[in-house]
Amino acid sequence: MRGTVMETKREIIMRQIGAKIAYQRKIHGYSQEQLSQKLHLGKTVLSRVERGKYNQNISLNMLLDIAEGLGVPVSVFVSFTPGEQALWNGYGLRDTVVTEGDVMKYSSAACTKRIRTLPSFMMTSTGEW
């Protein structure tokens, strides 16, 4: 039996993964249509993935395909900073100080904004891109 807390946590994680996918797609210069064609996915499928609404479940194969299509390691999508993890544990944005560089971590809608520097969640634990 699933509890509300677990479902909420998963919803947040799915939205975070989707926002990271959308961000990578945009900085690599792809439209949703272009990337979906490259990956042989429907545009609506990619759109739902980016919004975190893909049946609350995205397969590892699909994540690997998206990462390969964008030329990034899959870890970019599934590595989370302590700030991102705090959202899973019941802390809302009201309780979190959010800087301009952090915007991409919280909202796929924020992906439409152009940010000149890559946010910290795009780096590996060693500080590499």
N, C-alpha and C. Protein backbone atom coordinates (compact mmCIF):
# COMPACT_ATOMS: atom_id res chain seq x y z
N MET A 1 0.84 -1.17 0.00
CA MET A 1 0.00 0.00 0.00
C MET A 1 0.89 1.24 0.00
N ARG A 2 0.60 2.15 -0.88
CA ARG A 2 1.39 3.37 -1.00
C ARG A 2 0.80 4.45 -0.11
N GLY A 3 1.69 5.13 0.56
CA GLY A 3 1.26 6.26 1.38
C GLY A 3 1.37 7.56 0.61
N THR A 4 0.70 8.56 1.10
CA THR A 4 0.72 9.86 0.46
C THR A 4 2.13 10.44 0.42
N VAL A 5 2.89 10.25 1.49
CA VAL A 5 4.25 10.79 1.54
C VAL A 5 5.10 10.18 0.44
N MET A 6 5.04 8.86 0.25
CA MET A 6 5.83 8.20 -0.78
C MET A 6 5.42 8.68 -2.16
N GLU A 7 4.12 8.82 -2.40
CA GLU A 7 3.67 9.29 -3.70
C GLU A 7 4.15 10.71 -3.95
N THR A 8 4.08 11.57 -2.94
CA THR A 8 4.53 12.94 -3.10
C THR A 8 6.03 12.97 -3.37
N LYS A 9 6.79 12.17 -2.65
CA LYS A 9 8.23 12.11 -2.86
C LYS A 9 8.54 11.69 -4.29
N ARG A 10 7.86 10.67 -4.77
CA ARG A 10 8.09 10.21 -6.14
C ARG A 10 7.69 11.26 -7.16
N GLU A 11 6.59 11.96 -6.91
CA GLU A 11 6.17 13.02 -7.82
C GLU A 11 7.23 14.11 -7.90
N ILE A 12 7.78 14.47 -6.76
CA ILE A 12 8.82 15.51 -6.74
C ILE A 12 10.06 15.03 -7.50
N ILE A 13 10.47 13.80 -7.25
CA ILE A 13 11.64 13.25 -7.95
C ILE A 13 11.39 13.20 -9.45
N MET A 14 10.21 12.77 -9.86
CA MET A 14 9.90 12.71 -11.30
C MET A 14 9.94 14.10 -11.93
N ARG A 15 9.43 15.11 -11.22
CA ARG A 15 9.49 16.48 -11.75
C ARG A 15 10.93 16.97 -11.82
N GLN A 16 11.74 16.63 -10.83
CA GLN A 16 13.14 17.04 -10.86
C GLN A 16 13.88 16.39 -12.02
N ILE A 17 13.66 15.10 -12.24
CA ILE A 17 14.28 14.41 -13.37
C ILE A 17 13.81 15.04 -14.68
N GLY A 18 12.52 15.29 -14.80
CA GLY A 18 11.98 15.91 -16.00
C GLY A 18 12.56 17.28 -16.27
N ALA A 19 12.73 18.07 -15.21
CA ALA A 19 13.31 19.41 -15.37
C ALA A 19 14.75 19.33 -15.85
N LYS A 20 15.48 18.34 -15.35
CA LYS A 20 16.87 18.16 -15.77
C LYS A 20 16.95 17.73 -17.24
N ILE A 21 16.03 16.87 -17.65
CA ILE A 21 15.98 16.45 -19.06
C ILE A 21 15.67 17.65 -19.95
N ALA A 22 14.66 18.44 -19.57
CA ALA A 22 14.29 19.62 -20.36
C ALA A 22 15.44 20.61 -20.43
N TYR A 23 16.12 20.81 -19.33
CA TYR A 23 17.25 21.74 -19.29
C TYR A 23 18.35 21.26 -20.23
N GLN A 24 18.71 19.99 -20.16
CA GLN A 24 19.76 19.46 -21.04
C GLN A 24 19.34 19.55 -22.49
N ARG A 25 18.08 19.27 -22.78
CA ARG A 25 17.59 19.35 -24.15
C ARG A 25 17.76 20.77 -24.68
N LYS A 26 17.41 21.75 -23.87
CA LYS A 26 17.48 23.14 -24.32
C LYS A 26 18.92 23.62 -24.47
N ILE A 27 19.79 23.27 -23.53
CA ILE A 27 21.17 23.76 -23.68
C ILE A 27 21.89 23.05 -24.82
N HIS A 28 21.38 21.90 -25.25
CA HIS A 28 21.96 21.22 -26.42
C HIS A 28 21.27 21.63 -27.72
N GLY A 29 20.32 22.57 -27.63
CA GLY A 29 19.73 23.15 -28.82
C GLY A 29 18.64 22.34 -29.50
N TYR A 30 18.02 21.42 -28.80
CA TYR A 30 16.95 20.61 -29.38
C TYR A 30 15.58 21.15 -28.97
N SER A 31 14.65 21.12 -29.90
CA SER A 31 13.25 21.32 -29.55
C SER A 31 12.73 19.96 -29.07
N GLN A 32 11.57 19.94 -28.46
CA GLN A 32 10.99 18.66 -28.06
C GLN A 32 10.77 17.77 -29.28
N GLU A 33 10.31 18.38 -30.35
CA GLU A 33 10.05 17.62 -31.57
C GLU A 33 11.34 17.01 -32.13
N GLN A 34 12.41 17.79 -32.17
CA GLN A 34 13.68 17.28 -32.70
C GLN A 34 14.22 16.13 -31.86
N LEU A 35 14.21 16.29 -30.54
CA LEU A 35 14.74 15.23 -29.69
C LEU A 35 13.85 14.00 -29.73
N SER A 36 12.55 14.19 -29.74
CA SER A 36 11.66 13.03 -29.80
C SER A 36 11.86 12.25 -31.10
N GLN A 37 12.10 12.95 -32.20
CA GLN A 37 12.37 12.26 -33.46
C GLN A 37 13.69 11.51 -33.39
N LYS A 38 14.71 12.12 -32.82
CA LYS A 38 16.01 11.48 -32.69
C LYS A 38 15.92 10.21 -31.85
N LEU A 39 15.08 10.25 -30.82
CA LEU A 39 14.94 9.11 -29.90
C LEU A 39 13.84 8.13 -30.32
N HIS A 40 13.12 8.46 -31.39
CA HIS A 40 12.00 7.64 -31.85
C HIS A 40 10.92 7.53 -30.78
N LEU A 41 10.64 8.67 -30.15
CA LEU A 41 9.57 8.78 -29.16
C LEU A 41 8.53 9.74 -29.68
N GLY A 42 7.32 9.61 -29.20
CA GLY A 42 6.31 10.60 -29.52
C GLY A 42 6.61 11.90 -28.78
N LYS A 43 6.29 13.03 -29.40
CA LYS A 43 6.53 14.32 -28.76
C LYS A 43 5.76 14.42 -27.44
N THR A 44 4.56 13.87 -27.40
CA THR A 44 3.77 13.94 -26.16
C THR A 44 4.41 13.11 -25.05
N VAL A 45 5.08 12.01 -25.43
CA VAL A 45 5.78 11.20 -24.43
C VAL A 45 6.91 12.03 -23.81
N LEU A 46 7.73 12.66 -24.63
CA LEU A 46 8.83 13.48 -24.13
C LEU A 46 8.30 14.64 -23.30
N SER A 47 7.22 15.25 -23.73
CA SER A 47 6.63 16.36 -22.98
C SER A 47 6.19 15.89 -21.59
N ARG A 48 5.54 14.75 -21.52
CA ARG A 48 5.10 14.23 -20.21
C ARG A 48 6.29 13.88 -19.34
N VAL A 49 7.35 13.30 -19.91
CA VAL A 49 8.55 12.97 -19.14
C VAL A 49 9.13 14.26 -18.56
N GLU A 50 9.25 15.30 -19.37
CA GLU A 50 9.82 16.56 -18.91
C GLU A 50 8.98 17.22 -17.82
N ARG A 51 7.69 16.98 -17.83
CA ARG A 51 6.82 17.54 -16.80
C ARG A 51 6.70 16.63 -15.58
N GLY A 52 7.35 15.47 -15.63
CA GLY A 52 7.26 14.53 -14.51
C GLY A 52 5.94 13.81 -14.47
N LYS A 53 5.25 13.74 -15.59
CA LYS A 53 3.90 13.16 -15.64
C LYS A 53 3.84 11.89 -16.49
N TYR A 54 4.94 11.20 -16.61
CA TYR A 54 4.95 9.99 -17.43
C TYR A 54 4.53 8.79 -16.60
N ASN A 55 3.25 8.71 -16.31
CA ASN A 55 2.67 7.61 -15.54
C ASN A 55 3.39 7.36 -14.22
N GLN A 56 4.00 8.42 -13.68
CA GLN A 56 4.76 8.33 -12.43
C GLN A 56 5.84 7.25 -12.50
N ASN A 57 6.28 6.95 -13.70
CA ASN A 57 7.30 5.91 -13.86
C ASN A 57 7.99 6.12 -15.20
N ILE A 58 9.30 6.17 -15.18
CA ILE A 58 10.06 6.24 -16.42
C ILE A 58 11.05 5.08 -16.39
N SER A 59 11.12 4.36 -17.47
CA SER A 59 11.98 3.17 -17.48
C SER A 59 13.45 3.58 -17.54
N LEU A 60 14.29 2.73 -17.02
CA LEU A 60 15.73 2.96 -17.09
C LEU A 60 16.17 3.01 -18.54
N ASN A 61 15.59 2.16 -19.38
CA ASN A 61 15.94 2.17 -20.81
C ASN A 61 15.66 3.53 -21.45
N MET A 62 14.51 4.11 -21.10
CA MET A 62 14.16 5.41 -21.67
C MET A 62 15.14 6.48 -21.16
N LEU A 63 15.47 6.45 -19.88
CA LEU A 63 16.44 7.41 -19.34
C LEU A 63 17.79 7.27 -20.03
N LEU A 64 18.23 6.03 -20.24
CA LEU A 64 19.50 5.79 -20.92
C LEU A 64 19.46 6.30 -22.36
N ASP A 65 18.34 6.07 -23.04
CA ASP A 65 18.19 6.56 -24.42
C ASP A 65 18.24 8.09 -24.49
N ILE A 66 17.55 8.73 -23.56
CA ILE A 66 17.55 10.20 -23.53
C ILE A 66 18.95 10.72 -23.26
N ALA A 67 19.62 10.12 -22.29
CA ALA A 67 20.99 10.55 -21.96
C ALA A 67 21.91 10.38 -23.17
N GLU A 68 21.80 9.23 -23.82
CA GLU A 68 22.64 8.98 -24.99
C GLU A 68 22.32 9.97 -26.11
N GLY A 69 21.04 10.22 -26.33
CA GLY A 69 20.64 11.16 -27.38
C GLY A 69 21.15 12.57 -27.14
N LEU A 70 21.27 12.93 -25.87
CA LEU A 70 21.77 14.26 -25.51
C LEU A 70 23.28 14.30 -25.32
N GLY A 71 23.89 13.12 -25.27
CA GLY A 71 25.33 13.05 -25.08
C GLY A 71 25.78 13.39 -23.67
N VAL A 72 24.96 13.03 -22.69
CA VAL A 72 25.30 13.29 -21.29
C VAL A 72 25.20 11.99 -20.51
N PRO A 73 25.92 11.88 -19.40
CA PRO A 73 25.77 10.68 -18.57
C PRO A 73 24.40 10.66 -17.90
N VAL A 74 23.84 9.49 -17.75
CA VAL A 74 22.52 9.36 -17.13
C VAL A 74 22.51 9.88 -15.70
N SER A 75 23.67 9.90 -15.07
CA SER A 75 23.75 10.39 -13.69
C SER A 75 23.34 11.85 -13.58
N VAL A 76 23.43 12.60 -14.67
CA VAL A 76 23.00 14.01 -14.67
C VAL A 76 21.52 14.10 -14.26
N PHE A 77 20.74 13.11 -14.64
CA PHE A 77 19.31 13.15 -14.37
C PHE A 77 18.94 12.62 -12.99
N VAL A 78 19.77 11.77 -12.43
CA VAL A 78 19.38 11.08 -11.19
C VAL A 78 20.29 11.38 -10.01
N SER A 79 21.13 12.39 -10.13
CA SER A 79 21.97 12.84 -9.02
C SER A 79 21.30 14.07 -8.42
N PHE A 80 21.17 14.09 -7.10
CA PHE A 80 20.43 15.16 -6.45
C PHE A 80 21.25 15.82 -5.36
N THR A 81 21.19 17.14 -5.32
CA THR A 81 21.88 17.91 -4.30
C THR A 81 21.11 17.80 -2.98
N PRO A 82 21.75 18.16 -1.87
CA PRO A 82 21.02 18.17 -0.60
C PRO A 82 19.78 19.06 -0.64
N GLY A 83 19.84 20.17 -1.36
CA GLY A 83 18.68 21.05 -1.49
C GLY A 83 17.52 20.37 -2.20
N GLU A 84 17.84 19.62 -3.25
CA GLU A 84 16.80 18.88 -3.96
C GLU A 84 16.23 17.78 -3.07
N GLN A 85 17.09 17.10 -2.35
CA GLN A 85 16.64 16.02 -1.47
C GLN A 85 15.78 16.54 -0.33
N ALA A 86 16.03 17.77 0.11
CA ALA A 86 15.22 18.35 1.18
C ALA A 86 13.76 18.45 0.77
N LEU A 87 13.51 18.65 -0.52
CA LEU A 87 12.13 18.73 -1.00
C LEU A 87 11.40 17.40 -0.84
N TRP A 88 12.14 16.30 -0.86
CA TRP A 88 11.52 14.98 -0.73
C TRP A 88 11.01 14.74 0.69
N ASN A 89 11.63 15.39 1.64
CA ASN A 89 11.35 15.11 3.04
C ASN A 89 10.35 16.07 3.67
N GLY A 90 9.53 16.66 2.83
CA GLY A 90 8.46 17.48 3.35
C GLY A 90 8.77 18.95 3.49
N TYR A 91 9.95 19.38 3.03
CA TYR A 91 10.27 20.79 3.09
C TYR A 91 9.86 21.42 1.77
N GLY A 92 9.04 22.43 1.83
CA GLY A 92 8.60 23.11 0.62
C GLY A 92 9.57 24.22 0.25
N LEU A 93 9.32 24.85 -0.88
CA LEU A 93 10.16 25.95 -1.31
C LEU A 93 10.09 27.12 -0.34
N ARG A 94 9.00 27.24 0.41
CA ARG A 94 8.92 28.32 1.39
C ARG A 94 9.99 28.17 2.45
N ASP A 95 10.43 26.93 2.69
CA ASP A 95 11.42 26.66 3.72
C ASP A 95 12.83 26.61 3.17
N THR A 96 13.00 26.83 1.88
CA THR A 96 14.29 26.69 1.24
C THR A 96 14.69 28.01 0.59
N VAL A 97 15.89 28.44 0.81
CA VAL A 97 16.39 29.64 0.14
C VAL A 97 16.77 29.22 -1.27
N VAL A 98 16.19 29.86 -2.26
CA VAL A 98 16.42 29.50 -3.66
C VAL A 98 17.12 30.66 -4.34
N THR A 99 18.28 30.38 -4.92
CA THR A 99 19.01 31.39 -5.66
C THR A 99 18.68 31.24 -7.14
N GLU A 100 19.09 32.21 -7.95
CA GLU A 100 18.83 32.14 -9.39
C GLU A 100 19.42 30.87 -9.99
N GLY A 101 20.60 30.49 -9.52
CA GLY A 101 21.24 29.27 -10.03
C GLY A 101 20.51 28.00 -9.64
N ASP A 102 19.69 28.07 -8.58
CA ASP A 102 18.95 26.90 -8.12
C ASP A 102 17.62 26.73 -8.83
N VAL A 103 17.17 27.72 -9.57
CA VAL A 103 15.83 27.70 -10.15
C VAL A 103 15.59 26.42 -10.95
N MET A 104 16.58 25.97 -11.70
CA MET A 104 16.41 24.81 -12.55
C MET A 104 16.14 23.54 -11.77
N LYS A 105 16.50 23.51 -10.52
CA LYS A 105 16.32 22.31 -9.72
C LYS A 105 14.87 22.05 -9.37
N TYR A 106 14.04 23.07 -9.39
CA TYR A 106 12.72 22.94 -8.80
C TYR A 106 11.57 22.95 -9.78
N SER A 107 11.76 23.39 -10.99
CA SER A 107 10.61 23.55 -11.87
C SER A 107 10.97 23.35 -13.32
N SER A 108 10.21 22.49 -14.00
CA SER A 108 10.46 22.34 -15.43
C SER A 108 10.05 23.60 -16.17
N ALA A 109 9.10 24.37 -15.62
CA ALA A 109 8.71 25.62 -16.26
C ALA A 109 9.88 26.60 -16.26
N ALA A 110 10.73 26.51 -15.26
CA ALA A 110 11.89 27.40 -15.18
C ALA A 110 12.89 27.12 -16.29
N CYS A 111 12.78 25.97 -16.92
CA CYS A 111 13.71 25.61 -18.00
C CYS A 111 13.58 26.56 -19.18
N THR A 112 12.48 27.28 -19.27
CA THR A 112 12.32 28.19 -20.39
C THR A 112 13.16 29.44 -20.23
N LYS A 113 13.61 29.71 -19.00
CA LYS A 113 14.46 30.87 -18.77
C LYS A 113 15.89 30.54 -19.20
N ARG A 114 16.56 31.50 -19.79
CA ARG A 114 17.96 31.30 -20.16
C ARG A 114 18.84 31.66 -18.97
N ILE A 115 19.65 30.72 -18.57
CA ILE A 115 20.60 30.95 -17.50
C ILE A 115 21.98 30.75 -18.09
N ARG A 116 22.85 31.72 -17.94
CA ARG A 116 24.15 31.69 -18.60
C ARG A 116 25.11 30.67 -18.01
N THR A 117 25.00 30.37 -16.74
CA THR A 117 25.91 29.41 -16.14
C THR A 117 25.14 28.16 -15.78
N LEU A 118 25.80 27.04 -15.84
CA LEU A 118 25.15 25.79 -15.48
C LEU A 118 25.00 25.73 -13.97
N PRO A 119 23.83 25.28 -13.48
CA PRO A 119 23.65 25.16 -12.04
C PRO A 119 24.49 24.02 -11.48
N SER A 120 24.68 24.04 -10.18
CA SER A 120 25.56 23.07 -9.53
C SER A 120 25.10 21.63 -9.70
N PHE A 121 23.79 21.38 -9.89
CA PHE A 121 23.36 20.00 -10.00
C PHE A 121 23.84 19.34 -11.28
N MET A 122 24.40 20.12 -12.21
CA MET A 122 24.90 19.56 -13.45
C MET A 122 26.31 19.01 -13.28
N MET A 123 26.93 19.26 -12.15
CA MET A 123 28.28 18.79 -11.92
C MET A 123 28.27 17.44 -11.20
N THR A 124 29.30 16.68 -11.42
CA THR A 124 29.49 15.43 -10.68
C THR A 124 30.01 15.77 -9.30
N SER A 125 30.13 14.78 -8.43
CA SER A 125 30.61 15.01 -7.08
C SER A 125 32.04 15.55 -7.06
N THR A 126 32.79 15.36 -8.15
CA THR A 126 34.15 15.87 -8.22
C THR A 126 34.23 17.27 -8.81
N GLY A 127 33.06 17.84 -9.14
CA GLY A 127 33.03 19.19 -9.69
C GLY A 127 33.20 19.25 -11.19
N GLU A 128 33.17 18.11 -11.87
CA GLU A 128 33.32 18.09 -13.31
C GLU A 128 31.93 18.14 -13.96
N TRP A 129 31.89 18.57 -15.22
CA TRP A 129 30.62 18.65 -15.94
C TRP A 129 30.28 17.34 -16.55
